[in-house]
């Protein structure tokens, strides 16, 4: 029986693909786990150290491997298949996260162990993310990419139990990708020039495409300066607002409401035309909203500011990935996404 999605706009067009429906089932659960993991690690770090400096170090330890590993992972994905790499990396990431969860639940976690496991989590994410994202254009029509990429935000927002959830959802995501059966796009048979040459080929491809240069400049700037704000919410909840897990939950829920609104807007819109202007406006106004959040001490004002900032910044982030996917050749997609 046909899957009737006509009334769902862009979301419906993306979900009309049975392959993408399997992907979405895994991805929605995985994003729940990812956010629970990030917030759990943030609060665990604060609980162990009560140090904003060490909280920043743990966040950095989890993010810097993504930058270092992703270009190599992109080459592997383009060489050996996006589906295969996404499954292997997802299983490895789930195992690392399961180890962290068990240590946390047993009370044996320490700051050095947390740093080490955060680094390994970053390696896993940096390997899995390019391969998984590069799968999307093979599962749904290119015109549906904005809706497909935005759909995961609808479930995005909701310490040991939250980290365990991420381990489980990593395995679930790998299972859903394993169940997808489709004929992958043929890869070019050419002489391989080595990892570094193929990594540089990805950078040259971006450098030769003006639109990609601009999109990556925006994404890089936002990733360095703005993206880690969610990991720092634990420090704000305690140090700025004098609260605890309840205040952290309220801040997370406010950011989640903004993410929900952003995801619904982009998913129902479901087209790339005019998306660049929306993305740039979201980057500028979202940055202002985040600055306002950091400058005040009222919880009510902070909740409103973080909600608006989350809506605008995630609109920019997902819009940029939609345009990058749309502008990239299949043979280069893994390397381009990983850059």
Protein backbone atom coordinates (compact mmCIF):
# COMPACT_ATOMS: atom_id res chain seq x y z
CA UNK A 1 0.00 0.00 0.00
CA UNK A 2 1.32 3.43 -0.93
CA UNK A 3 2.59 5.65 1.86
CA UNK A 4 0.28 8.69 1.74
CA UNK A 5 2.40 11.74 2.57
CA UNK A 6 0.84 14.39 0.34
CA UNK A 7 -0.42 16.47 3.26
CA UNK A 8 2.99 16.60 4.96
CA UNK A 9 4.68 18.96 2.51
CA UNK A 10 8.44 18.56 2.20
CA UNK A 11 8.51 16.01 5.02
CA UNK A 12 6.04 13.88 3.12
CA UNK A 13 8.07 13.92 -0.08
CA UNK A 14 11.17 12.78 1.79
CA UNK A 15 9.30 10.06 3.72
CA UNK A 16 7.74 8.75 0.51
CA UNK A 17 11.01 6.85 0.03
CA UNK A 18 10.91 3.54 1.97
CA UNK A 19 14.70 3.65 2.28
CA UNK A 20 14.55 7.09 3.85
CA UNK A 21 11.81 5.98 6.25
CA UNK A 22 14.16 3.33 7.64
CA UNK A 23 16.93 5.92 7.88
CA UNK A 24 14.63 8.36 9.67
CA UNK A 25 13.57 5.71 12.22
CA UNK A 26 17.20 5.22 13.15
CA UNK A 27 18.22 8.86 12.95
CA UNK A 28 15.41 10.24 15.11
CA UNK A 29 16.25 7.80 17.91
CA UNK A 30 19.96 8.50 17.50
CA UNK A 31 19.48 12.25 17.84
CA UNK A 32 17.52 11.73 21.07
CA UNK A 33 20.49 9.75 22.33
CA UNK A 34 23.05 12.26 21.04
CA UNK A 35 21.46 15.15 22.92
CA UNK A 36 21.07 13.08 26.07
CA UNK A 37 24.73 12.12 25.81
CA UNK A 38 25.95 15.69 25.33
CA UNK A 39 23.92 17.03 28.23
CA UNK A 40 24.80 14.04 30.41
CA UNK A 41 28.53 14.53 29.81
CA UNK A 42 28.19 18.25 30.48
CA UNK A 43 26.44 17.77 33.81
CA UNK A 44 28.73 14.85 34.77
CA UNK A 45 31.80 17.01 34.14
CA UNK A 46 30.35 19.87 36.16
CA UNK A 47 29.37 17.49 38.97
CA UNK A 48 32.90 16.02 39.09
CA UNK A 49 34.83 19.28 38.84
CA UNK A 50 32.58 22.37 39.24
CA UNK A 51 35.08 24.02 36.91
CA UNK A 52 34.06 25.96 33.81
CA UNK A 53 37.60 25.52 32.50
CA UNK A 54 37.51 21.72 32.74
CA UNK A 55 34.01 21.71 31.27
CA UNK A 56 35.45 23.51 28.25
CA UNK A 57 38.36 21.04 28.09
CA UNK A 58 35.99 18.05 28.00
CA UNK A 59 33.89 19.72 25.29
CA UNK A 60 37.07 20.43 23.30
CA UNK A 61 38.28 16.85 23.79
CA UNK A 62 35.07 15.57 22.23
CA UNK A 63 35.07 17.98 19.29
CA UNK A 64 38.69 18.29 18.12
CA UNK A 65 38.92 14.63 16.98
CA UNK A 66 35.93 15.24 14.71
CA UNK A 67 37.92 17.91 12.86
CA UNK A 68 41.06 15.78 12.65
CA UNK A 69 39.49 12.42 11.76
CA UNK A 70 36.65 13.49 9.45
CA UNK A 71 38.76 14.14 6.30
CA UNK A 72 40.26 10.63 6.49
CA UNK A 73 36.81 9.18 7.19
CA UNK A 74 35.42 10.95 4.13
CA UNK A 75 38.01 9.26 1.92
CA UNK A 76 37.18 5.86 3.43
CA UNK A 77 33.47 6.44 2.87
CA UNK A 78 33.97 7.42 -0.77
CA UNK A 79 36.33 4.48 -1.33
CA UNK A 80 34.50 1.65 0.40
CA UNK A 81 30.88 2.77 0.52
CA UNK A 82 28.93 5.17 2.71
CA UNK A 83 26.59 2.49 4.05
CA UNK A 84 29.37 0.13 5.12
CA UNK A 85 31.34 2.88 6.86
CA UNK A 86 28.25 4.22 8.65
CA UNK A 87 27.46 0.77 10.07
CA UNK A 88 31.02 0.00 11.24
CA UNK A 89 31.58 3.44 12.78
CA UNK A 90 28.15 3.42 14.44
CA UNK A 91 28.86 0.09 16.15
CA UNK A 92 32.27 1.31 17.32
CA UNK A 93 30.83 4.56 18.65
CA UNK A 94 28.11 2.67 20.49
CA UNK A 95 30.70 0.46 22.18
CA UNK A 96 32.75 3.45 23.38
CA UNK A 97 29.61 5.14 24.72
CA UNK A 98 28.46 1.93 26.42
CA UNK A 99 31.81 1.79 28.23
CA UNK A 100 31.39 5.39 29.39
CA UNK A 101 27.85 4.70 30.59
CA UNK A 102 28.84 1.59 32.58
CA UNK A 103 31.72 3.43 34.26
CA UNK A 104 29.39 6.30 35.14
CA UNK A 105 26.65 4.07 36.53
CA UNK A 106 29.17 2.10 38.60
CA UNK A 107 30.69 5.27 40.04
CA UNK A 108 34.14 4.48 38.62
CA UNK A 109 34.29 7.34 36.11
CA UNK A 110 37.08 9.88 36.61
CA UNK A 111 37.99 13.06 34.80
CA UNK A 112 40.95 11.46 32.93
CA UNK A 113 38.74 8.54 31.84
CA UNK A 114 36.01 10.96 30.80
CA UNK A 115 38.52 12.91 28.70
CA UNK A 116 39.82 9.74 27.04
CA UNK A 117 36.35 8.40 26.26
CA UNK A 118 35.23 11.82 24.99
CA UNK A 119 38.15 11.78 22.54
CA UNK A 120 37.19 8.28 21.37
CA UNK A 121 33.56 9.38 21.02
CA UNK A 122 34.74 12.26 18.86
CA UNK A 123 36.72 9.86 16.67
CA UNK A 124 33.64 7.68 16.25
CA UNK A 125 31.37 10.61 15.41
CA UNK A 126 33.90 12.10 12.99
CA UNK A 127 34.06 8.76 11.18
CA UNK A 128 30.34 7.98 11.16
CA UNK A 129 28.80 11.38 10.43
CA UNK A 130 30.21 11.99 6.89
CA UNK A 131 29.25 8.48 5.77
CA UNK A 132 25.75 8.67 7.23
CA UNK A 133 25.01 12.13 5.82
CA UNK A 134 26.35 11.15 2.40
CA UNK A 135 23.77 8.35 2.31
CA UNK A 136 20.79 10.73 2.29
CA UNK A 137 20.86 11.74 -1.41
CA UNK A 138 20.86 8.04 -2.32
CA UNK A 139 17.69 7.46 -0.28
CA UNK A 140 15.50 10.35 -1.45
CA UNK A 141 15.27 12.68 -4.43
CA UNK A 142 17.66 15.64 -4.45
CA UNK A 143 14.75 18.11 -4.39
CA UNK A 144 13.71 16.69 -1.01
CA UNK A 145 17.09 17.20 0.69
CA UNK A 146 16.08 20.20 2.85
CA UNK A 147 13.16 18.25 4.31
CA UNK A 148 15.22 15.10 4.75
CA UNK A 149 18.04 16.90 6.55
CA UNK A 150 15.67 18.97 8.69
CA UNK A 151 13.57 15.98 9.76
CA UNK A 152 16.10 14.83 12.34
CA UNK A 153 15.69 18.12 14.25
CA UNK A 154 12.05 17.35 15.03
CA UNK A 155 13.19 14.78 17.58
CA UNK A 156 16.40 16.55 18.60
CA UNK A 157 15.78 17.76 22.16
CA UNK A 158 13.88 16.16 24.63
CA UNK A 159 23.89 11.16 33.72
CA UNK A 160 24.67 7.70 33.23
CA UNK A 161 21.28 6.68 31.91
CA UNK A 162 21.37 9.46 29.29
CA UNK A 163 24.80 8.31 28.09
CA UNK A 164 23.56 4.71 27.97
CA UNK A 165 20.69 5.88 25.78
CA UNK A 166 23.18 7.18 23.22
CA UNK A 167 24.99 3.84 23.18
CA UNK A 168 21.72 2.03 22.47
CA UNK A 169 20.69 4.47 19.75
CA UNK A 170 24.06 4.12 18.02
CA UNK A 171 23.43 0.40 17.69
CA UNK A 172 19.85 1.11 16.56
CA UNK A 173 21.08 3.53 13.87
CA UNK A 174 23.56 0.95 12.60
CA UNK A 175 20.78 -1.67 12.46
CA UNK A 176 18.46 0.62 10.46
CA UNK A 177 21.22 1.36 7.94
CA UNK A 178 21.96 -2.37 7.71
CA UNK A 179 18.30 -3.02 6.86
CA UNK A 180 18.36 -0.51 3.99
CA UNK A 181 18.71 -2.37 0.71
CA UNK A 182 19.35 -0.23 -2.35
CA UNK A 183 21.64 -0.20 -5.35
CA UNK A 184 24.40 2.28 -4.45
CA UNK A 185 25.55 4.80 -7.02
CA UNK A 186 28.46 3.33 -9.02
CA UNK A 187 31.87 4.49 -7.86
CA UNK A 188 34.48 5.49 -10.37
CA UNK A 189 37.18 2.90 -11.08
CA UNK A 190 40.33 4.94 -10.99
CA UNK A 191 43.86 4.67 -9.70
CA UNK A 192 43.97 5.62 -6.03
CA UNK A 193 46.58 8.22 -5.18
CA UNK A 194 46.71 7.74 -1.41
CA UNK A 195 44.76 9.18 1.49
CA UNK A 196 46.42 12.59 1.60
CA UNK A 197 45.94 13.14 -2.13
CA UNK A 198 42.28 12.20 -1.90
CA UNK A 199 41.78 14.43 1.14
CA UNK A 200 43.33 17.32 -0.76
CA UNK A 201 41.07 16.49 -3.71
CA UNK A 202 38.11 17.22 -1.44
CA UNK A 203 39.58 20.56 -0.37
CA UNK A 204 40.37 21.47 -3.99
CA UNK A 205 36.81 20.63 -4.98
CA UNK A 206 35.50 23.02 -2.33
CA UNK A 207 38.01 25.73 -3.24
CA UNK A 208 36.97 25.54 -6.91
CA UNK A 209 33.27 26.02 -6.07
CA UNK A 210 32.44 29.56 -4.82
CA UNK A 211 29.14 28.52 -3.21
CA UNK A 212 30.81 25.71 -1.27
CA UNK A 213 33.60 28.04 -0.14
CA UNK A 214 31.07 30.41 1.41
CA UNK A 215 29.02 27.64 3.01
CA UNK A 216 32.07 26.03 4.59
CA UNK A 217 33.37 29.38 5.85
CA UNK A 218 30.05 29.96 7.60
CA UNK A 219 29.89 26.42 9.00
CA UNK A 220 33.49 26.57 10.24
CA UNK A 221 32.97 29.89 11.99
CA UNK A 222 29.75 28.72 13.63
CA UNK A 223 31.27 25.38 14.61
CA UNK A 224 34.19 27.00 16.41
CA UNK A 225 32.45 29.98 18.00
CA UNK A 226 28.81 28.98 18.50
CA UNK A 227 28.14 25.25 18.29
CA UNK A 228 29.40 24.21 21.79
CA UNK A 229 26.85 26.37 23.63
CA UNK A 230 24.72 23.35 24.56
CA UNK A 231 27.59 21.67 26.42
CA UNK A 232 28.06 24.83 28.49
CA UNK A 233 24.44 24.97 29.66
CA UNK A 234 25.33 22.93 32.75
CA UNK A 235 27.69 25.69 33.86
CA UNK A 236 25.05 28.36 33.20
CA UNK A 237 22.40 26.41 35.13
CA UNK A 238 24.58 26.21 38.25
CA UNK A 239 26.99 29.15 38.17
CA UNK A 240 24.77 31.84 36.59
CA UNK A 241 21.28 30.82 37.72
CA UNK A 242 22.26 29.07 40.96
CA UNK A 243 20.26 25.99 40.06
CA UNK A 244 20.80 22.34 39.25
CA UNK A 245 19.39 19.62 36.98
CA UNK A 246 15.94 21.28 36.95
CA UNK A 247 17.31 24.53 35.55
CA UNK A 248 19.45 22.60 33.07
CA UNK A 249 16.34 20.70 31.94
CA UNK A 250 14.46 23.99 31.48
CA UNK A 251 17.26 25.49 29.38
CA UNK A 252 17.48 22.32 27.31
CA UNK A 253 13.71 22.27 26.77
CA UNK A 254 13.78 25.91 25.62
CA UNK A 255 16.57 25.16 23.15
CA UNK A 256 14.63 22.08 22.06
CA UNK A 257 11.50 24.11 21.37
CA UNK A 258 13.56 26.37 19.12
CA UNK A 259 15.05 23.35 17.37
CA UNK A 260 11.58 21.87 16.89
CA UNK A 261 10.32 25.09 15.29
CA UNK A 262 13.39 25.24 13.05
CA UNK A 263 13.03 21.63 11.96
CA UNK A 264 9.33 21.98 11.19
CA UNK A 265 9.88 25.17 9.22
CA UNK A 266 12.62 23.72 7.01
CA UNK A 267 10.99 20.31 6.63
CA UNK A 268 7.60 21.64 5.55
CA UNK A 269 9.27 24.25 3.32
CA UNK A 270 11.08 21.42 1.54
CA UNK A 271 13.00 23.33 -1.16
CA UNK A 272 16.40 24.94 -1.63
CA UNK A 273 15.30 28.07 -3.47
CA UNK A 274 15.79 31.09 -1.22
CA UNK A 275 17.45 28.95 1.45
CA UNK A 276 20.76 30.83 1.28
CA UNK A 277 19.13 34.10 2.36
CA UNK A 278 17.27 32.36 5.19
CA UNK A 279 20.49 30.68 6.30
CA UNK A 280 22.51 33.92 6.40
CA UNK A 281 19.75 35.75 8.28
CA UNK A 282 19.63 32.89 10.79
CA UNK A 283 23.39 33.03 11.36
CA UNK A 284 23.44 36.78 12.07
CA UNK A 285 20.30 37.01 14.21
CA UNK A 286 21.03 33.73 16.00
CA UNK A 287 24.48 35.01 17.00
CA UNK A 288 22.87 38.13 18.46
CA UNK A 289 20.39 35.98 20.39
CA UNK A 290 23.19 33.83 21.81
CA UNK A 291 25.12 36.95 22.87
CA UNK A 292 22.03 38.23 24.68
CA UNK A 293 21.70 34.89 26.46
CA UNK A 294 25.30 35.10 27.68
CA UNK A 295 24.93 38.69 28.94
CA UNK A 296 21.99 38.37 31.34
CA UNK A 297 21.29 36.65 34.66
CA UNK A 298 17.48 36.28 34.53
CA UNK A 299 16.37 32.69 33.94
CA UNK A 300 13.16 33.79 32.18
CA UNK A 301 15.05 36.05 29.77
CA UNK A 302 17.65 33.32 29.31
CA UNK A 303 15.00 30.76 28.38
CA UNK A 304 13.54 33.06 25.72
CA UNK A 305 16.98 33.99 24.36
CA UNK A 306 18.23 30.40 24.12
CA UNK A 307 15.00 29.32 22.42
CA UNK A 308 15.26 32.02 19.75
CA UNK A 309 19.00 31.50 19.29
CA UNK A 310 18.52 27.74 18.88
CA UNK A 311 15.80 28.24 16.28
CA UNK A 312 17.88 30.64 14.19
CA UNK A 313 21.26 28.91 14.48
CA UNK A 314 19.89 25.48 13.64
CA UNK A 315 18.04 26.93 10.66
CA UNK A 316 21.42 28.15 9.43
CA UNK A 317 23.18 24.87 10.20
CA UNK A 318 20.70 22.56 8.48
CA UNK A 319 20.21 25.00 5.61
CA UNK A 320 23.95 24.98 4.97
CA UNK A 321 24.10 21.17 4.92
CA UNK A 322 21.13 21.03 2.55
CA UNK A 323 22.87 23.37 0.11
CA UNK A 324 26.19 21.53 0.43
CA UNK A 325 24.54 18.18 -0.32
CA UNK A 326 22.66 19.68 -3.24
CA UNK A 327 25.79 21.20 -4.81
CA UNK A 328 28.15 18.21 -4.43
CA UNK A 329 28.77 15.36 -6.86
CA UNK A 330 28.08 11.87 -5.52
CA UNK A 331 31.69 10.72 -5.99
CA UNK A 332 32.96 13.57 -3.78
CA UNK A 333 30.19 13.71 -1.19
CA UNK A 334 31.90 11.85 1.65
CA UNK A 335 35.06 13.96 1.42
CA UNK A 336 33.20 17.24 1.04
CA UNK A 337 30.92 16.64 4.04
CA UNK A 338 33.91 15.61 6.15
CA UNK A 339 35.89 18.79 5.48
